[in-house]
Each structure stands twice: as structure tokens, then as C-alpha cells.
């Protein structure tokens, strides 16, 4: 009996790798599918029923979606007037297009107007399709709406029943590589309000030009001088290094990068 027990245990141990192998083989493989971004538009009109994430495989499906989504606006003659903003898609994509192709529509709202929307990957895994993208909102504080239209092959999305989104961290540039912005302390600013600063005044780093921003109304800047320090050798690494070094000066109230604001 002990011999049989040991034999069974040994057989199970030997069979485990095979069992695990068969178990893993049932997991669908993840594959990237080709895509083309046809539109990535942002607008600030009042919008009804905008939110949507869907694969459109026919003209009838596209007409159904387009007929229920519109902007509203008012004029001196009254309103609201409706503009069916997806109507142009029904003209652009006809039955001939949908013979071999499909559309992925992603419509969503944002708290700021403008910005950057960049699709990085469309990945299929079994019946699931995931759209991975980078998105950063613009600088204008206003409710806005995004319309994303993506062209894909119908065969690549055949059988897909679940569509997901994956918001990736933004890897685009968030500041320029050629200058830093500093604010001098109030006391130093008052003592040197009309002084023209030069690169020699900032020996900590290799600057090529100092822009002296002089306001005729000192109270607008809190009685503090603002200077743009241009790098002789532009790079994002040098910008960060320059900011760190200049911040250590006792006459500097603040030193910051020149942030990029993505507008509408």
C-alpha cells in the first residue's frame, strides 16, 4: 500500500509540468492589431449623449450612433439648435468601407479644453480589445468633449465582444529645453528694479542670454523681478540641473521650468 501511494505521488509530480502546460495553452495570446487614427477632435459645445466606447461594423450601426449625438448652440434668433457632429462620418464611411473595415469610436468628456490624445497600441486578447493611449488635458478650464475615430480591419476585430481603454502616463514633453524662469526675492527686486542682468550674474550655469522682464506696474508681480535664463546648451537634463542650482541662490525667490501648456 505504501508503495502504491508513493507511486501515485511520483506520477502526479511528473504529470504536473504537462498539466500546467496544457492549462497555459488555453490562455489566448495577446496580439497588436494595426490601426489608423482618423480623428482626434476636441470641442466645447453643449453636447447631448456624448459618452461612447464602441466598435462600429456597418453603415446601419454608424447611422444609429450619429443620429443620437449632437452639439447644441443658441443665437439671437433663439435655440437650442442641434448640429449632428458625427453626420460627416456617415458621408465618409459608406457600405464599401465596411466590407473589410470597421471603426472604433471613443467619445468622452474632459474638465479642460484642448490637450493631446495619442493612441499607442490596439491589443487583442481573445474576445477582448484594449486601446492604450496617452492623454493630457489642455490649459483652458472649460468642460469639453473628445471624439476619437480609429480605423481597423474588420477581420482583426471579428468576434470581439469587450472593448477596454488603458490610460497610460503621459510621456510627451511637459517643459521646454531652452530656458528656465526665475523670480527674484522682493528685497533684491526693489534694490535692482532697473538693473539689466547678464549671464555673468549667474555663473552657476552656462547661460547664453538673460531676458529682463520689467513691468511698469510692480504690484502686478508682487514687487518681484522675473527673468528668463536661456541655456547655452539646451536640453531637458540641463534645464533640470540649472533649476536645481539656481534655486540655491539667496536672491532667488523661485526657479521653475518653462512648462508647455497644451491649448485648444
C-alpha atoms as a PDB file:
ATOM      1  CA  UNK A   1       0.000   0.000   0.000  1.00  0.00           C
ATOM      2  CA  UNK A   2       2.821   2.385   0.866  1.00  0.00           C
ATOM      3  CA  UNK A   3       4.462   1.508  -2.443  1.00  0.00           C
ATOM      4  CA  UNK A   4       1.299   2.343  -4.389  1.00  0.00           C
ATOM      5  CA  UNK A   5       0.902   5.633  -2.524  1.00  0.00           C
ATOM      6  CA  UNK A   6       4.462   6.612  -3.352  1.00  0.00           C
ATOM      7  CA  UNK A   7       3.934   5.594  -6.992  1.00  0.00           C
ATOM      8  CA  UNK A   8       0.811   7.752  -7.301  1.00  0.00           C
ATOM      9  CA  UNK A   9       2.602  10.740  -5.770  1.00  0.00           C
ATOM     10  CA  UNK A  10       5.546  10.331  -8.145  1.00  0.00           C
ATOM     11  CA  UNK A  11       3.241  10.106 -11.155  1.00  0.00           C
ATOM     12  CA  UNK A  12       1.406  13.250 -10.075  1.00  0.00           C
ATOM     13  CA  UNK A  13       4.673  15.122  -9.639  1.00  0.00           C
ATOM     14  CA  UNK A  14       5.827  14.029 -13.099  1.00  0.00           C
ATOM     15  CA  UNK A  15       2.498  14.971 -14.650  1.00  0.00           C
ATOM     16  CA  UNK A  16       2.318  18.463 -13.134  1.00  0.00           C
ATOM     17  CA  UNK A  17       4.514  20.205 -15.771  1.00  0.00           C
ATOM     18  CA  UNK A  18       2.392  18.658 -18.518  1.00  0.00           C
ATOM     19  CA  UNK A  19      -0.832  19.687 -16.774  1.00  0.00           C
ATOM     20  CA  UNK A  20       0.468  23.232 -16.324  1.00  0.00           C
ATOM     21  CA  UNK A  21       1.496  23.322 -19.974  1.00  0.00           C
ATOM     22  CA  UNK A  22      -1.960  22.352 -21.143  1.00  0.00           C
ATOM     23  CA  UNK A  23      -3.512  24.824 -18.732  1.00  0.00           C
ATOM     24  CA  UNK A  24      -1.445  27.705 -20.116  1.00  0.00           C
ATOM     25  CA  UNK A  25      -2.234  26.754 -23.694  1.00  0.00           C
ATOM     26  CA  UNK A  26      -5.870  27.743 -23.111  1.00  0.00           C
ATOM     27  CA  UNK A  27      -4.874  31.351 -22.388  1.00  0.00           C
ATOM     28  CA  UNK A  28      -5.416  33.460 -25.543  1.00  0.00           C
ATOM     29  CA  UNK A  29      -2.359  35.202 -26.921  1.00  0.00           C
ATOM     30  CA  UNK A  30      -2.171  38.987 -26.948  1.00  0.00           C
ATOM     31  CA  UNK A  31      -1.592  40.438 -30.406  1.00  0.00           C
ATOM     32  CA  UNK A  32      -1.219  44.009 -31.655  1.00  0.00           C
ATOM     33  CA  UNK A  33      -3.586  44.980 -34.451  1.00  0.00           C
ATOM     34  CA  UNK A  34      -2.849  47.734 -36.995  1.00  0.00           C
ATOM     35  CA  UNK A  35      -4.896  50.912 -36.740  1.00  0.00           C
ATOM     36  CA  UNK A  36      -5.206  54.403 -38.208  1.00  0.00           C
ATOM     37  CA  UNK A  37      -6.445  57.387 -36.210  1.00  0.00           C
ATOM     38  CA  UNK A  38      -8.880  59.180 -38.483  1.00  0.00           C
ATOM     39  CA  UNK A  39      -9.854  61.914 -35.998  1.00  0.00           C
ATOM     40  CA  UNK A  40      -8.978  63.124 -32.510  1.00  0.00           C
ATOM     41  CA  UNK A  41     -11.068  66.252 -32.059  1.00  0.00           C
ATOM     42  CA  UNK A  42     -11.906  68.387 -29.039  1.00  0.00           C
ATOM     43  CA  UNK A  43     -14.769  70.885 -28.798  1.00  0.00           C
ATOM     44  CA  UNK A  44     -16.563  72.910 -26.148  1.00  0.00           C
ATOM     45  CA  UNK A  45     -20.149  72.976 -27.394  1.00  0.00           C
ATOM     46  CA  UNK A  46     -23.008  71.805 -25.229  1.00  0.00           C
ATOM     47  CA  UNK A  47     -23.371  68.129 -26.106  1.00  0.00           C
ATOM     48  CA  UNK A  48     -26.074  65.529 -25.577  1.00  0.00           C
ATOM     49  CA  UNK A  49     -25.326  61.833 -25.034  1.00  0.00           C
ATOM     50  CA  UNK A  50     -21.673  62.122 -25.957  1.00  0.00           C
ATOM     51  CA  UNK A  51     -20.064  59.295 -23.961  1.00  0.00           C
ATOM     52  CA  UNK A  52     -19.378  56.200 -26.060  1.00  0.00           C
ATOM     53  CA  UNK A  53     -16.882  53.342 -26.486  1.00  0.00           C
ATOM     54  CA  UNK A  54     -17.864  51.027 -29.320  1.00  0.00           C
ATOM     55  CA  UNK A  55     -16.799  49.050 -32.379  1.00  0.00           C
ATOM     56  CA  UNK A  56     -18.910  50.012 -35.419  1.00  0.00           C
ATOM     57  CA  UNK A  57     -19.053  47.337 -38.097  1.00  0.00           C
ATOM     58  CA  UNK A  58     -21.712  48.607 -40.527  1.00  0.00           C
ATOM     59  CA  UNK A  59     -23.350  51.694 -42.003  1.00  0.00           C
ATOM     60  CA  UNK A  60     -26.528  50.991 -40.043  1.00  0.00           C
ATOM     61  CA  UNK A  61     -24.597  50.935 -36.752  1.00  0.00           C
ATOM     62  CA  UNK A  62     -22.850  54.198 -37.656  1.00  0.00           C
ATOM     63  CA  UNK A  63     -26.139  55.872 -38.598  1.00  0.00           C
ATOM     64  CA  UNK A  64     -27.643  54.760 -35.295  1.00  0.00           C
ATOM     65  CA  UNK A  65     -24.784  56.282 -33.314  1.00  0.00           C
ATOM     66  CA  UNK A  66     -24.684  59.507 -35.364  1.00  0.00           C
ATOM     67  CA  UNK A  67     -28.426  60.139 -35.109  1.00  0.00           C
ATOM     68  CA  UNK A  68     -28.387  60.476 -31.310  1.00  0.00           C
ATOM     69  CA  UNK A  69     -25.332  62.689 -30.771  1.00  0.00           C
ATOM     70  CA  UNK A  70     -25.301  66.409 -31.425  1.00  0.00           C
ATOM     71  CA  UNK A  71     -23.983  69.784 -30.299  1.00  0.00           C
ATOM     72  CA  UNK A  72     -26.402  72.475 -29.150  1.00  0.00           C
ATOM     73  CA  UNK A  73     -25.976  76.192 -29.666  1.00  0.00           C
ATOM     74  CA  UNK A  74     -28.050  79.340 -29.241  1.00  0.00           C
ATOM     75  CA  UNK A  75     -28.259  82.505 -31.354  1.00  0.00           C
ATOM     76  CA  UNK A  76     -30.103  85.811 -31.202  1.00  0.00           C
ATOM     77  CA  UNK A  77     -32.906  84.055 -33.063  1.00  0.00           C
ATOM     78  CA  UNK A  78     -33.315  81.528 -30.283  1.00  0.00           C
ATOM     79  CA  UNK A  79     -32.367  77.919 -29.795  1.00  0.00           C
ATOM     80  CA  UNK A  80     -31.188  75.430 -28.960  1.00  0.00           C
ATOM     81  CA  UNK A  81     -30.158  74.371 -32.455  1.00  0.00           C
ATOM     82  CA  UNK A  82     -28.737  70.907 -32.969  1.00  0.00           C
ATOM     83  CA  UNK A  83     -25.647  70.057 -35.013  1.00  0.00           C
ATOM     84  CA  UNK A  84     -25.170  66.322 -35.530  1.00  0.00           C
ATOM     85  CA  UNK A  85     -21.382  66.307 -35.390  1.00  0.00           C
ATOM     86  CA  UNK A  86     -20.992  62.638 -36.384  1.00  0.00           C
ATOM     87  CA  UNK A  87     -23.028  63.134 -39.551  1.00  0.00           C
ATOM     88  CA  UNK A  88     -19.874  63.724 -41.593  1.00  0.00           C
ATOM     89  CA  UNK A  89     -18.712  60.240 -40.625  1.00  0.00           C
ATOM     90  CA  UNK A  90     -21.761  58.762 -42.348  1.00  0.00           C
ATOM     91  CA  UNK A  91     -20.644  60.505 -45.529  1.00  0.00           C
ATOM     92  CA  UNK A  92     -17.002  59.497 -45.146  1.00  0.00           C
ATOM     93  CA  UNK A  93     -17.595  55.818 -44.345  1.00  0.00           C
ATOM     94  CA  UNK A  94     -20.004  54.036 -46.681  1.00  0.00           C
ATOM     95  CA  UNK A  95     -21.019  50.428 -47.224  1.00  0.00           C
ATOM     96  CA  UNK A  96     -17.968  49.829 -49.381  1.00  0.00           C
ATOM     97  CA  UNK A  97     -15.677  50.792 -46.468  1.00  0.00           C
ATOM     98  CA  UNK A  98     -17.409  48.432 -44.056  1.00  0.00           C
ATOM     99  CA  UNK A  99     -16.965  45.427 -46.366  1.00  0.00           C
ATOM    100  CA  UNK A 100     -13.469  44.881 -44.992  1.00  0.00           C
ATOM    101  CA  UNK A 101     -13.095  47.507 -42.267  1.00  0.00           C
ATOM    102  CA  UNK A 102     -14.605  48.722 -39.017  1.00  0.00           C
ATOM    103  CA  UNK A 103     -14.401  51.787 -36.762  1.00  0.00           C
ATOM    104  CA  UNK A 104     -13.583  52.157 -33.088  1.00  0.00           C
ATOM    105  CA  UNK A 105     -15.363  55.194 -31.647  1.00  0.00           C
ATOM    106  CA  UNK A 106     -14.317  56.676 -28.310  1.00  0.00           C
ATOM    107  CA  UNK A 107     -16.261  59.725 -27.125  1.00  0.00           C
ATOM    108  CA  UNK A 108     -15.660  61.229 -23.682  1.00  0.00           C
ATOM    109  CA  UNK A 109     -15.776  64.463 -21.719  1.00  0.00           C
ATOM    110  CA  UNK A 110     -12.901  66.371 -20.094  1.00  0.00           C
ATOM    111  CA  UNK A 111     -12.588  69.101 -17.478  1.00  0.00           C
ATOM    112  CA  UNK A 112     -10.243  71.237 -19.598  1.00  0.00           C
ATOM    113  CA  UNK A 113     -10.309  72.249 -23.253  1.00  0.00           C
ATOM    114  CA  UNK A 114      -7.627  71.168 -25.705  1.00  0.00           C
ATOM    115  CA  UNK A 115      -4.727  68.878 -24.998  1.00  0.00           C
ATOM    116  CA  UNK A 116      -3.106  65.847 -26.590  1.00  0.00           C
ATOM    117  CA  UNK A 117      -4.641  62.413 -27.232  1.00  0.00           C
ATOM    118  CA  UNK A 118      -2.211  59.836 -28.643  1.00  0.00           C
ATOM    119  CA  UNK A 119      -3.100  56.152 -29.177  1.00  0.00           C
ATOM    120  CA  UNK A 120      -0.079  53.938 -28.590  1.00  0.00           C
ATOM    121  CA  UNK A 121      -1.486  50.445 -29.045  1.00  0.00           C
ATOM    122  CA  UNK A 122      -4.546  48.412 -30.008  1.00  0.00           C
ATOM    123  CA  UNK A 123      -4.154  44.969 -28.440  1.00  0.00           C
ATOM    124  CA  UNK A 124      -6.447  41.995 -28.874  1.00  0.00           C
ATOM    125  CA  UNK A 125      -6.576  39.103 -26.434  1.00  0.00           C
ATOM    126  CA  UNK A 126      -9.253  36.573 -27.271  1.00  0.00           C
ATOM    127  CA  UNK A 127     -12.590  38.391 -27.401  1.00  0.00           C
ATOM    128  CA  UNK A 128     -11.164  41.486 -25.681  1.00  0.00           C
ATOM    129  CA  UNK A 129      -9.710  44.571 -27.398  1.00  0.00           C
ATOM    130  CA  UNK A 130      -7.760  47.164 -25.383  1.00  0.00           C
ATOM    131  CA  UNK A 131      -6.940  50.650 -26.662  1.00  0.00           C
ATOM    132  CA  UNK A 132      -3.917  52.110 -24.835  1.00  0.00           C
ATOM    133  CA  UNK A 133      -3.344  55.840 -25.111  1.00  0.00           C
ATOM    134  CA  UNK A 134      -1.629  58.862 -23.610  1.00  0.00           C
ATOM    135  CA  UNK A 135      -3.825  61.831 -22.785  1.00  0.00           C
ATOM    136  CA  UNK A 136      -3.029  65.204 -21.264  1.00  0.00           C
ATOM    137  CA  UNK A 137      -5.647  67.917 -20.909  1.00  0.00           C
ATOM    138  CA  UNK A 138      -5.176  71.444 -22.191  1.00  0.00           C
ATOM    139  CA  UNK A 139      -4.697  74.658 -20.248  1.00  0.00           C
ATOM    140  CA  UNK A 140      -8.152  76.203 -20.672  1.00  0.00           C
ATOM    141  CA  UNK A 141     -10.509  75.422 -17.790  1.00  0.00           C
ATOM    142  CA  UNK A 142     -13.771  74.530 -19.528  1.00  0.00           C
ATOM    143  CA  UNK A 143     -15.916  71.460 -19.998  1.00  0.00           C
ATOM    144  CA  UNK A 144     -15.023  69.955 -23.363  1.00  0.00           C
ATOM    145  CA  UNK A 145     -15.702  66.819 -25.385  1.00  0.00           C
ATOM    146  CA  UNK A 146     -13.391  64.500 -27.304  1.00  0.00           C
ATOM    147  CA  UNK A 147     -14.281  62.482 -30.410  1.00  0.00           C
ATOM    148  CA  UNK A 148     -11.796  59.755 -31.318  1.00  0.00           C
ATOM    149  CA  UNK A 149     -12.274  57.806 -34.568  1.00  0.00           C
ATOM    150  CA  UNK A 150      -9.995  54.824 -35.291  1.00  0.00           C
ATOM    151  CA  UNK A 151      -9.946  52.727 -38.453  1.00  0.00           C
ATOM    152  CA  UNK A 152      -9.255  48.987 -38.121  1.00  0.00           C
ATOM    153  CA  UNK A 153      -9.606  45.881 -40.250  1.00  0.00           C
ATOM    154  CA  UNK A 154     -12.925  44.092 -39.718  1.00  0.00           C
ATOM    155  CA  UNK A 155     -11.159  40.722 -39.612  1.00  0.00           C
ATOM    156  CA  UNK A 156      -8.929  41.945 -36.751  1.00  0.00           C
ATOM    157  CA  UNK A 157     -11.959  42.707 -34.542  1.00  0.00           C
ATOM    158  CA  UNK A 158     -14.149  39.827 -35.663  1.00  0.00           C
ATOM    159  CA  UNK A 159     -15.576  38.160 -32.550  1.00  0.00           C
ATOM    160  CA  UNK A 160     -14.510  40.939 -30.171  1.00  0.00           C
ATOM    161  CA  UNK A 161     -17.184  41.411 -27.523  1.00  0.00           C
ATOM    162  CA  UNK A 162     -15.342  43.551 -24.967  1.00  0.00           C
ATOM    163  CA  UNK A 163     -13.663  46.898 -25.658  1.00  0.00           C
ATOM    164  CA  UNK A 164     -11.482  48.492 -22.963  1.00  0.00           C
ATOM    165  CA  UNK A 165      -9.319  51.599 -22.585  1.00  0.00           C
ATOM    166  CA  UNK A 166      -5.938  51.886 -20.889  1.00  0.00           C
ATOM    167  CA  UNK A 167      -4.826  55.424 -19.951  1.00  0.00           C
ATOM    168  CA  UNK A 168      -1.011  55.453 -19.991  1.00  0.00           C
ATOM    169  CA  UNK A 169       1.209  58.006 -18.198  1.00  0.00           C
ATOM    170  CA  UNK A 170       1.969  60.959 -20.473  1.00  0.00           C
ATOM    171  CA  UNK A 171       5.495  60.754 -21.883  1.00  0.00           C
ATOM    172  CA  UNK A 172       5.384  63.855 -24.068  1.00  0.00           C
ATOM    173  CA  UNK A 173       7.378  66.949 -23.239  1.00  0.00           C
ATOM    174  CA  UNK A 174       5.947  68.973 -20.369  1.00  0.00           C
ATOM    175  CA  UNK A 175       8.549  71.773 -20.441  1.00  0.00           C
ATOM    176  CA  UNK A 176      10.848  73.415 -22.979  1.00  0.00           C
ATOM    177  CA  UNK A 177      14.530  72.540 -23.145  1.00  0.00           C
ATOM    178  CA  UNK A 178      15.980  76.011 -23.701  1.00  0.00           C
ATOM    179  CA  UNK A 179      15.288  78.205 -20.668  1.00  0.00           C
ATOM    180  CA  UNK A 180      14.260  78.468 -17.027  1.00  0.00           C
ATOM    181  CA  UNK A 181      12.108  81.108 -15.347  1.00  0.00           C
ATOM    182  CA  UNK A 182      13.224  82.686 -12.089  1.00  0.00           C
ATOM    183  CA  UNK A 183      11.688  85.196  -9.695  1.00  0.00           C
ATOM    184  CA  UNK A 184      13.972  87.294  -7.533  1.00  0.00           C
ATOM    185  CA  UNK A 185      13.148  88.000  -3.897  1.00  0.00           C
ATOM    186  CA  UNK A 186      11.154  91.118  -3.145  1.00  0.00           C
ATOM    187  CA  UNK A 187      14.039  92.888  -1.395  1.00  0.00           C
ATOM    188  CA  UNK A 188      16.544  92.173  -4.163  1.00  0.00           C
ATOM    189  CA  UNK A 189      13.974  93.166  -6.765  1.00  0.00           C
ATOM    190  CA  UNK A 190      13.364  96.541  -5.146  1.00  0.00           C
ATOM    191  CA  UNK A 191      17.094  97.233  -4.940  1.00  0.00           C
ATOM    192  CA  UNK A 192      17.662  96.193  -8.563  1.00  0.00           C
ATOM    193  CA  UNK A 193      14.380  97.031 -10.293  1.00  0.00           C
ATOM    194  CA  UNK A 194      16.007  98.697 -13.320  1.00  0.00           C
ATOM    195  CA  UNK A 195      19.109  96.542 -13.454  1.00  0.00           C
ATOM    196  CA  UNK A 196      19.905  94.692 -16.676  1.00  0.00           C
ATOM    197  CA  UNK A 197      21.072  91.233 -15.663  1.00  0.00           C
ATOM    198  CA  UNK A 198      23.533  89.325 -17.871  1.00  0.00           C
ATOM    199  CA  UNK A 199      24.820  85.725 -17.970  1.00  0.00           C
ATOM    200  CA  UNK A 200      27.786  86.865 -15.868  1.00  0.00           C
ATOM    201  CA  UNK A 201      25.382  87.440 -12.971  1.00  0.00           C
ATOM    202  CA  UNK A 202      24.578  83.712 -12.952  1.00  0.00           C
ATOM    203  CA  UNK A 203      27.932  81.882 -13.029  1.00  0.00           C
ATOM    204  CA  UNK A 204      26.390  78.692 -11.631  1.00  0.00           C
ATOM    205  CA  UNK A 205      25.436  77.579 -15.136  1.00  0.00           C
ATOM    206  CA  UNK A 206      26.215  78.274 -18.783  1.00  0.00           C
ATOM    207  CA  UNK A 207      23.542  80.749 -19.858  1.00  0.00           C
ATOM    208  CA  UNK A 208      23.616  82.482 -23.238  1.00  0.00           C
ATOM    209  CA  UNK A 209      21.023  85.196 -22.634  1.00  0.00           C
ATOM    210  CA  UNK A 210      19.074  86.771 -19.784  1.00  0.00           C
ATOM    211  CA  UNK A 211      15.687  88.257 -20.621  1.00  0.00           C
ATOM    212  CA  UNK A 212      14.812  91.009 -18.163  1.00  0.00           C
ATOM    213  CA  UNK A 213      11.056  91.298 -17.842  1.00  0.00           C
ATOM    214  CA  UNK A 214      10.254  94.722 -16.459  1.00  0.00           C
ATOM    215  CA  UNK A 215       6.677  95.508 -15.533  1.00  0.00           C
ATOM    216  CA  UNK A 216       5.637  99.189 -15.352  1.00  0.00           C
ATOM    217  CA  UNK A 217       3.319  98.136 -12.543  1.00  0.00           C
ATOM    218  CA  UNK A 218       5.424  96.363  -9.879  1.00  0.00           C
ATOM    219  CA  UNK A 219       2.410  95.304  -7.845  1.00  0.00           C
ATOM    220  CA  UNK A 220       1.355  93.003 -10.710  1.00  0.00           C
ATOM    221  CA  UNK A 221       4.286  90.715  -9.944  1.00  0.00           C
ATOM    222  CA  UNK A 222       4.232  91.176  -6.182  1.00  0.00           C
ATOM    223  CA  UNK A 223       7.134  93.644  -6.464  1.00  0.00           C
ATOM    224  CA  UNK A 224       9.375  90.822  -7.669  1.00  0.00           C
ATOM    225  CA  UNK A 225      11.583  90.732 -10.779  1.00  0.00           C
ATOM    226  CA  UNK A 226      11.041  87.956 -13.313  1.00  0.00           C
ATOM    227  CA  UNK A 227      13.895  86.758 -15.515  1.00  0.00           C
ATOM    228  CA  UNK A 228      14.159  84.248 -18.360  1.00  0.00           C
ATOM    229  CA  UNK A 229      17.526  82.476 -18.291  1.00  0.00           C
ATOM    230  CA  UNK A 230      18.343  80.925 -21.693  1.00  0.00           C
ATOM    231  CA  UNK A 231      20.650  77.908 -21.761  1.00  0.00           C
ATOM    232  CA  UNK A 232      23.723  77.929 -23.968  1.00  0.00           C
ATOM    233  CA  UNK A 233      23.329  74.170 -24.421  1.00  0.00           C
ATOM    234  CA  UNK A 234      19.603  73.348 -24.481  1.00  0.00           C
ATOM    235  CA  UNK A 235      18.439  70.004 -23.184  1.00  0.00           C
ATOM    236  CA  UNK A 236      15.833  68.821 -20.718  1.00  0.00           C
ATOM    237  CA  UNK A 237      18.555  67.418 -18.488  1.00  0.00           C
ATOM    238  CA  UNK A 238      20.359  70.760 -18.408  1.00  0.00           C
ATOM    239  CA  UNK A 239      17.120  72.576 -17.626  1.00  0.00           C
ATOM    240  CA  UNK A 240      16.532  70.453 -14.530  1.00  0.00           C
ATOM    241  CA  UNK A 241      20.138  70.859 -13.435  1.00  0.00           C
ATOM    242  CA  UNK A 242      20.016  74.630 -13.907  1.00  0.00           C
ATOM    243  CA  UNK A 243      16.799  74.903 -11.901  1.00  0.00           C
ATOM    244  CA  UNK A 244      18.346  72.954  -9.043  1.00  0.00           C
ATOM    245  CA  UNK A 245      21.479  75.119  -8.962  1.00  0.00           C
ATOM    246  CA  UNK A 246      19.745  78.494  -9.306  1.00  0.00           C
ATOM    247  CA  UNK A 247      17.241  77.644  -6.567  1.00  0.00           C
ATOM    248  CA  UNK A 248      20.122  77.613  -4.088  1.00  0.00           C
ATOM    249  CA  UNK A 249      20.862  81.317  -4.573  1.00  0.00           C
ATOM    250  CA  UNK A 250      19.699  83.537  -1.665  1.00  0.00           C
ATOM    251  CA  UNK A 251      18.454  86.247  -4.051  1.00  0.00           C
ATOM    252  CA  UNK A 252      16.119  83.834  -5.905  1.00  0.00           C
ATOM    253  CA  UNK A 253      12.538  83.509  -4.699  1.00  0.00           C
ATOM    254  CA  UNK A 254      11.728  80.691  -7.149  1.00  0.00           C
ATOM    255  CA  UNK A 255      13.184  78.908 -10.183  1.00  0.00           C
ATOM    256  CA  UNK A 256      10.999  76.814 -12.456  1.00  0.00           C
ATOM    257  CA  UNK A 257      10.945  75.107 -15.830  1.00  0.00           C
ATOM    258  CA  UNK A 258       9.076  76.727 -18.727  1.00  0.00           C
ATOM    259  CA  UNK A 259       6.015  74.477 -18.765  1.00  0.00           C
ATOM    260  CA  UNK A 260       4.247  73.635 -22.002  1.00  0.00           C
ATOM    261  CA  UNK A 261       0.528  74.313 -21.827  1.00  0.00           C
ATOM    262  CA  UNK A 262      -1.429  72.315 -24.398  1.00  0.00           C
ATOM    263  CA  UNK A 263      -4.177  74.587 -25.633  1.00  0.00           C
ATOM    264  CA  UNK A 264      -7.354  74.049 -27.579  1.00  0.00           C
END
